[in-house]
Amino acid sequence: MKKFLSLFSTLALVSLLAACGGDKAPQVDYTTIKGQTITPADYQGQVMLVNFWATSCTTCVKEMPAIVDTHNKFKEQGFRTIAVAMSYDRPDYVVNFADTRQLPFDVALDVSGSIAKAFDDVKITPTTYVIDRKGKIIKTYVGEPDFAALHALIEKSLAEKV
């Protein structure tokens, strides 16, 4: 029981700390499942949602339709979504998932784990970062976000000028 409470306390602290923002987002290149490279210049000045996920993560699979809806709602307003598959996820599973669900945003493979490492060494999925137009992390969600609150945050961030 003590181990469980200790683990629970640690997870609560991680979640609390993860909810804080303000750090500059890592300037990383993403390689998509289509073989394209997305560089920091490609997403400069946009509000971004970077979602770390895995095909084996039931919460990730459950939240994906809401991420698609979020992307579709804001994509014409300077909003970009990148779903980053964890290094342990098989690329063929990721490609199959993205194709069968017709994901409308960029899906990147983090084969080496370097992108997850750059984002505070992400290990828990789903973990989602919201990045403002200035490249600052304004919110981190560990677990499924409250999508109404997420949409309000995106709207506010999109309204801000660089």
C-alpha atoms as a PDB file:
ATOM      1  CA  MET A   1       0.000   0.000   0.000  1.00  0.00           C
ATOM      2  CA  LYS A   2       2.858   2.377   0.845  1.00  0.00           C
ATOM      3  CA  LYS A   3       4.401   1.779  -2.599  1.00  0.00           C
ATOM      4  CA  PHE A   4       1.055   2.521  -4.251  1.00  0.00           C
ATOM      5  CA  LEU A   5       0.626   5.763  -2.292  1.00  0.00           C
ATOM      6  CA  SER A   6       4.194   6.777  -3.061  1.00  0.00           C
ATOM      7  CA  LEU A   7       3.652   6.067  -6.754  1.00  0.00           C
ATOM      8  CA  PHE A   8       0.331   7.925  -6.670  1.00  0.00           C
ATOM      9  CA  SER A   9       1.984  10.938  -4.981  1.00  0.00           C
ATOM     10  CA  THR A  10       4.770  10.924  -7.551  1.00  0.00           C
ATOM     11  CA  LEU A  11       2.277  10.779 -10.437  1.00  0.00           C
ATOM     12  CA  ALA A  12       0.226  13.588  -8.885  1.00  0.00           C
ATOM     13  CA  LEU A  13       3.352  15.733  -8.581  1.00  0.00           C
ATOM     14  CA  VAL A  14       4.374  14.946 -12.166  1.00  0.00           C
ATOM     15  CA  SER A  15       0.891  15.912 -13.359  1.00  0.00           C
ATOM     16  CA  LEU A  16       0.947  19.114 -11.352  1.00  0.00           C
ATOM     17  CA  LEU A  17       4.358  20.084 -12.658  1.00  0.00           C
ATOM     18  CA  ALA A  18       3.389  19.104 -16.192  1.00  0.00           C
ATOM     19  CA  ALA A  19       0.408  21.449 -16.051  1.00  0.00           C
ATOM     20  CA  CYS A  20       2.766  24.381 -15.708  1.00  0.00           C
ATOM     21  CA  GLY A  21       3.904  26.060 -18.870  1.00  0.00           C
ATOM     22  CA  GLY A  22       6.232  28.872 -19.776  1.00  0.00           C
ATOM     23  CA  ASP A  23       9.235  27.005 -21.099  1.00  0.00           C
ATOM     24  CA  LYS A  24      10.363  27.473 -24.653  1.00  0.00           C
ATOM     25  CA  ALA A  25       9.328  24.507 -26.773  1.00  0.00           C
ATOM     26  CA  PRO A  26      12.220  22.455 -28.111  1.00  0.00           C
ATOM     27  CA  GLN A  27      13.193  23.320 -31.661  1.00  0.00           C
ATOM     28  CA  VAL A  28      13.034  19.857 -33.165  1.00  0.00           C
ATOM     29  CA  ASP A  29      12.634  18.357 -36.612  1.00  0.00           C
ATOM     30  CA  TYR A  30       9.807  15.865 -37.078  1.00  0.00           C
ATOM     31  CA  THR A  31       9.923  13.080 -39.679  1.00  0.00           C
ATOM     32  CA  THR A  32       6.433  12.140 -40.786  1.00  0.00           C
ATOM     33  CA  ILE A  33       5.143   8.735 -41.805  1.00  0.00           C
ATOM     34  CA  LYS A  34       5.123  10.097 -45.360  1.00  0.00           C
ATOM     35  CA  GLY A  35       8.868  10.739 -45.171  1.00  0.00           C
ATOM     36  CA  GLN A  36       8.609  14.524 -44.952  1.00  0.00           C
ATOM     37  CA  THR A  37      10.724  16.522 -42.543  1.00  0.00           C
ATOM     38  CA  ILE A  38       9.007  19.315 -40.647  1.00  0.00           C
ATOM     39  CA  THR A  39      11.504  21.869 -39.366  1.00  0.00           C
ATOM     40  CA  PRO A  40      11.073  24.682 -36.823  1.00  0.00           C
ATOM     41  CA  ALA A  41      10.798  27.168 -39.708  1.00  0.00           C
ATOM     42  CA  ASP A  42       7.728  25.260 -40.947  1.00  0.00           C
ATOM     43  CA  TYR A  43       5.773  25.824 -37.742  1.00  0.00           C
ATOM     44  CA  GLN A  44       7.118  29.220 -36.662  1.00  0.00           C
ATOM     45  CA  GLY A  45       4.360  31.651 -35.693  1.00  0.00           C
ATOM     46  CA  GLN A  46       1.684  28.946 -35.420  1.00  0.00           C
ATOM     47  CA  VAL A  47      -0.140  27.619 -32.391  1.00  0.00           C
ATOM     48  CA  MET A  48       0.727  23.948 -32.116  1.00  0.00           C
ATOM     49  CA  LEU A  49      -0.575  20.861 -30.444  1.00  0.00           C
ATOM     50  CA  VAL A  50       2.103  18.186 -30.095  1.00  0.00           C
ATOM     51  CA  ASN A  51       0.580  14.891 -28.958  1.00  0.00           C
ATOM     52  CA  PHE A  52       2.805  11.993 -27.854  1.00  0.00           C
ATOM     53  CA  TRP A  53       0.888   8.750 -28.276  1.00  0.00           C
ATOM     54  CA  ALA A  54       1.121   5.055 -29.075  1.00  0.00           C
ATOM     55  CA  THR A  55      -1.111   2.620 -30.909  1.00  0.00           C
ATOM     56  CA  SER A  56      -0.990   0.357 -27.830  1.00  0.00           C
ATOM     57  CA  CYS A  57      -2.286   3.120 -25.537  1.00  0.00           C
ATOM     58  CA  THR A  58      -6.052   2.795 -25.056  1.00  0.00           C
ATOM     59  CA  THR A  59      -6.456   6.393 -23.854  1.00  0.00           C
ATOM     60  CA  CYS A  60      -4.507   7.607 -26.895  1.00  0.00           C
ATOM     61  CA  VAL A  61      -6.773   5.692 -29.248  1.00  0.00           C
ATOM     62  CA  LYS A  62      -9.871   6.909 -27.375  1.00  0.00           C
ATOM     63  CA  GLU A  63      -8.851  10.594 -27.514  1.00  0.00           C
ATOM     64  CA  MET A  64      -7.720  10.591 -31.162  1.00  0.00           C
ATOM     65  CA  PRO A  65     -11.174  11.473 -32.626  1.00  0.00           C
ATOM     66  CA  ALA A  66     -11.299  14.527 -30.329  1.00  0.00           C
ATOM     67  CA  ILE A  67      -7.806  15.539 -31.463  1.00  0.00           C
ATOM     68  CA  VAL A  68      -8.990  15.216 -35.077  1.00  0.00           C
ATOM     69  CA  ASP A  69     -12.007  17.424 -34.255  1.00  0.00           C
ATOM     70  CA  THR A  70      -9.722  19.967 -32.544  1.00  0.00           C
ATOM     71  CA  HIS A  71      -7.415  20.038 -35.541  1.00  0.00           C
ATOM     72  CA  ASN A  72     -10.285  20.466 -37.993  1.00  0.00           C
ATOM     73  CA  LYS A  73     -11.856  23.236 -35.908  1.00  0.00           C
ATOM     74  CA  PHE A  74      -8.730  25.408 -35.792  1.00  0.00           C
ATOM     75  CA  LYS A  75      -6.553  24.411 -38.778  1.00  0.00           C
ATOM     76  CA  GLU A  76      -7.600  27.415 -40.912  1.00  0.00           C
ATOM     77  CA  GLN A  77      -6.606  29.852 -38.152  1.00  0.00           C
ATOM     78  CA  GLY A  78      -2.872  29.179 -37.887  1.00  0.00           C
ATOM     79  CA  PHE A  79      -3.113  26.000 -35.822  1.00  0.00           C
ATOM     80  CA  ARG A  80      -1.026  22.895 -36.429  1.00  0.00           C
ATOM     81  CA  THR A  81      -1.267  19.409 -34.975  1.00  0.00           C
ATOM     82  CA  ILE A  82       1.564  16.902 -34.873  1.00  0.00           C
ATOM     83  CA  ALA A  83       0.992  13.435 -33.417  1.00  0.00           C
ATOM     84  CA  VAL A  84       4.323  11.920 -32.385  1.00  0.00           C
ATOM     85  CA  ALA A  85       4.369   8.130 -32.135  1.00  0.00           C
ATOM     86  CA  MET A  86       6.585   6.870 -29.345  1.00  0.00           C
ATOM     87  CA  SER A  87       9.850   5.104 -30.178  1.00  0.00           C
ATOM     88  CA  TYR A  88       8.536   1.702 -29.040  1.00  0.00           C
ATOM     89  CA  ASP A  89       5.567   1.870 -31.414  1.00  0.00           C
ATOM     90  CA  ARG A  90       6.013  -0.183 -34.564  1.00  0.00           C
ATOM     91  CA  PRO A  91       6.090   2.106 -37.613  1.00  0.00           C
ATOM     92  CA  ASP A  92       3.811  -0.228 -39.591  1.00  0.00           C
ATOM     93  CA  TYR A  93       1.208  -0.046 -36.782  1.00  0.00           C
ATOM     94  CA  VAL A  94       1.440   3.759 -36.770  1.00  0.00           C
ATOM     95  CA  VAL A  95       1.035   3.981 -40.555  1.00  0.00           C
ATOM     96  CA  ASN A  96      -1.912   1.568 -40.461  1.00  0.00           C
ATOM     97  CA  PHE A  97      -3.579   3.521 -37.640  1.00  0.00           C
ATOM     98  CA  ALA A  98      -3.137   6.870 -39.408  1.00  0.00           C
ATOM     99  CA  ASP A  99      -4.337   5.495 -42.749  1.00  0.00           C
ATOM    100  CA  THR A 100      -7.384   3.589 -41.485  1.00  0.00           C
ATOM    101  CA  ARG A 101      -8.537   6.571 -39.421  1.00  0.00           C
ATOM    102  CA  GLN A 102      -7.582   9.090 -42.112  1.00  0.00           C
ATOM    103  CA  LEU A 103      -5.778  11.348 -39.640  1.00  0.00           C
ATOM    104  CA  PRO A 104      -5.816  14.834 -41.206  1.00  0.00           C
ATOM    105  CA  PHE A 105      -2.655  16.117 -39.524  1.00  0.00           C
ATOM    106  CA  ASP A 106       1.033  15.281 -39.496  1.00  0.00           C
ATOM    107  CA  VAL A 107       1.962  12.001 -37.841  1.00  0.00           C
ATOM    108  CA  ALA A 108       5.627  11.706 -36.927  1.00  0.00           C
ATOM    109  CA  LEU A 109       7.741   8.733 -35.959  1.00  0.00           C
ATOM    110  CA  ASP A 110      10.160   9.227 -33.065  1.00  0.00           C
ATOM    111  CA  VAL A 111      12.221   6.144 -33.858  1.00  0.00           C
ATOM    112  CA  SER A 112      15.231   7.194 -31.780  1.00  0.00           C
ATOM    113  CA  GLY A 113      13.203   8.730 -28.934  1.00  0.00           C
ATOM    114  CA  SER A 114      14.988  12.061 -29.399  1.00  0.00           C
ATOM    115  CA  ILE A 115      11.794  14.108 -29.760  1.00  0.00           C
ATOM    116  CA  ALA A 116      10.326  12.674 -26.545  1.00  0.00           C
ATOM    117  CA  LYS A 117      13.641  13.366 -24.798  1.00  0.00           C
ATOM    118  CA  ALA A 118      13.629  16.972 -26.033  1.00  0.00           C
ATOM    119  CA  PHE A 119      10.151  17.443 -24.516  1.00  0.00           C
ATOM    120  CA  ASP A 120      11.191  16.741 -20.911  1.00  0.00           C
ATOM    121  CA  ASP A 121      11.759  13.046 -21.649  1.00  0.00           C
ATOM    122  CA  VAL A 122       8.117  12.074 -22.231  1.00  0.00           C
ATOM    123  CA  LYS A 123       7.412   8.542 -21.026  1.00  0.00           C
ATOM    124  CA  ILE A 124       3.659   8.596 -20.277  1.00  0.00           C
ATOM    125  CA  THR A 125       1.135   8.520 -23.107  1.00  0.00           C
ATOM    126  CA  PRO A 126      -0.822  10.423 -23.994  1.00  0.00           C
ATOM    127  CA  THR A 127       1.100  13.593 -23.234  1.00  0.00           C
ATOM    128  CA  THR A 128       0.032  16.689 -25.110  1.00  0.00           C
ATOM    129  CA  TYR A 129       1.736  20.065 -25.348  1.00  0.00           C
ATOM    130  CA  VAL A 130       0.112  23.306 -26.464  1.00  0.00           C
ATOM    131  CA  ILE A 131       2.638  25.764 -27.864  1.00  0.00           C
ATOM    132  CA  ASP A 132       1.830  29.405 -28.571  1.00  0.00           C
ATOM    133  CA  ARG A 133       2.828  31.482 -31.607  1.00  0.00           C
ATOM    134  CA  LYS A 134       6.012  32.595 -29.823  1.00  0.00           C
ATOM    135  CA  GLY A 135       7.139  28.994 -29.328  1.00  0.00           C
ATOM    136  CA  LYS A 136       6.376  28.876 -25.604  1.00  0.00           C
ATOM    137  CA  ILE A 137       4.742  25.841 -24.000  1.00  0.00           C
ATOM    138  CA  ILE A 138       1.549  27.201 -22.483  1.00  0.00           C
ATOM    139  CA  LYS A 139       0.007  23.941 -21.287  1.00  0.00           C
ATOM    140  CA  THR A 140       0.941  20.306 -20.872  1.00  0.00           C
ATOM    141  CA  TYR A 141      -1.636  17.575 -20.454  1.00  0.00           C
ATOM    142  CA  VAL A 142      -0.636  14.171 -19.095  1.00  0.00           C
ATOM    143  CA  GLY A 143      -3.567  11.939 -19.923  1.00  0.00           C
ATOM    144  CA  GLU A 144      -6.622  12.930 -21.912  1.00  0.00           C
ATOM    145  CA  PRO A 145      -7.245  16.698 -21.949  1.00  0.00           C
ATOM    146  CA  ASP A 146     -10.471  18.416 -21.023  1.00  0.00           C
ATOM    147  CA  PHE A 147     -11.242  19.293 -24.639  1.00  0.00           C
ATOM    148  CA  ALA A 148     -13.560  22.224 -23.835  1.00  0.00           C
ATOM    149  CA  ALA A 149     -10.769  23.842 -21.795  1.00  0.00           C
ATOM    150  CA  LEU A 150      -8.238  22.936 -24.497  1.00  0.00           C
ATOM    151  CA  HIS A 151     -10.363  24.630 -27.172  1.00  0.00           C
ATOM    152  CA  ALA A 152     -10.712  27.763 -25.028  1.00  0.00           C
ATOM    153  CA  LEU A 153      -6.924  27.848 -24.572  1.00  0.00           C
ATOM    154  CA  ILE A 154      -6.321  27.417 -28.305  1.00  0.00           C
ATOM    155  CA  GLU A 155      -8.831  30.179 -29.136  1.00  0.00           C
ATOM    156  CA  LYS A 156      -7.132  32.534 -26.685  1.00  0.00           C
ATOM    157  CA  SER A 157      -3.692  31.695 -28.056  1.00  0.00           C
ATOM    158  CA  LEU A 158      -4.778  32.089 -31.667  1.00  0.00           C
ATOM    159  CA  ALA A 159      -6.147  35.553 -30.842  1.00  0.00           C
ATOM    160  CA  GLU A 160      -2.739  36.689 -29.579  1.00  0.00           C
ATOM    161  CA  LYS A 161      -0.340  38.197 -32.094  1.00  0.00           C
ATOM    162  CA  VAL A 162       3.318  37.262 -32.318  1.00  0.00           C
END
